[in-house]
Amino acid sequence: MNTINVTREFDTEDKCFDYLEKMRWPNGVACLECGSLKVSRITREAKSKNKRTRLYQCLEKECGHQFSATAGTIFADTHLPLKTWFMAIALICEAKKSLSACQLQRHLGLGSYRTAWHLAHRIRAAMAEHDMVLGGPVVETDETYIGSRVRRPRHARPRTTKDEVVLGMVERNGGRLKLVPVPDTKSEILRPHLEKHISEQVGTIYSDEHPIYIFALKGKFPGKHQTINHSKTYAMGNVYTNTIENAFSLFKKGCTAHSITSQKSIWRGTVMSSHIASIAGRNSRSYSRKPPRACCAGKL
């Protein structure tokens, strides 16, 4: 869905609330505490900073909980209009190389950079799929290094600090991508992540000839691991890791656009996690053809 359609379909708060309620309660509004369908709608008449007009109260005597469609979501406790949120979701989901907070501030006409920064990071965090399991017939895996690099002799592997490694796994045909920051490239560190995010039913796992993958994959995936020697060629028939390399390329371009290249900034937990989530979420959505609004607004 492009930004014109988002503007047309969600031009009022009522349309945004209608969509949220439909996504969250397809069978009717239910209490968030007890799950009862006996609820009443409260119309807010008093003027206050809270502009939300749709409040609900559970009619069960032992409950009586008050709630709204935004409670427990990324939209909770916000003073921004929901149509601003929906437009921000569309912009971030469609930005191939990510979107900086300054650019988001200019596009949405927000008053401060701080507001745009929190808005962007809430949306990116909601795009994360922590329990994703890649089960396609072919999965590629590799690691990449981000941050400061020490100059070494030609043809030598760039030496980086310990906290600059990102492990990547991607389905070759399905397109779902999982990026995980790891402290090191030791097999005992990579093995739990590979076993958690790759299904046992996978057909083949491709990687380069780094020995860590031989030790990390031989336990749970015997006979399913094939390697490509990058010192000789980058592809031999169906044996290649170009899909994950392309994902790393977009990831690094996003890091450069955000100036997230130094060790001090990239490995702050919220910055790195949210940036990884947005890259992986956009890559997965581009193959699933989901509209931008379903990536974050539907994750309640």
Foldseek 3Di string as FASTA:
>chain_A
DALVVLCVQPVDLVSLQVVLCCLVCVPADADPPPRHRQKDWDADDDDDLDPDGTKIFHPDPVGRDIDGSCPPALCPPDSDRVSLLSSLLQVQLPPLLGDQLVRSCVVSVDDDSVVSVSSLLSQLLLLADPQAADEEQEKEKDKDFFADWDDDDPPDDTDDAQQGMKIKMAHPQLQQIDIDGWRHLALVGVLVVCPRHYDLNHNAYEYAPDCSCVVSQCPSHNPRYDHDHVVVPQDDPPHHRVSVVVLVVSLVSSCVVHVVGHPVRCVPPSNVSSSSSSSSSSRNCVNVVDRSCCSRSSRD
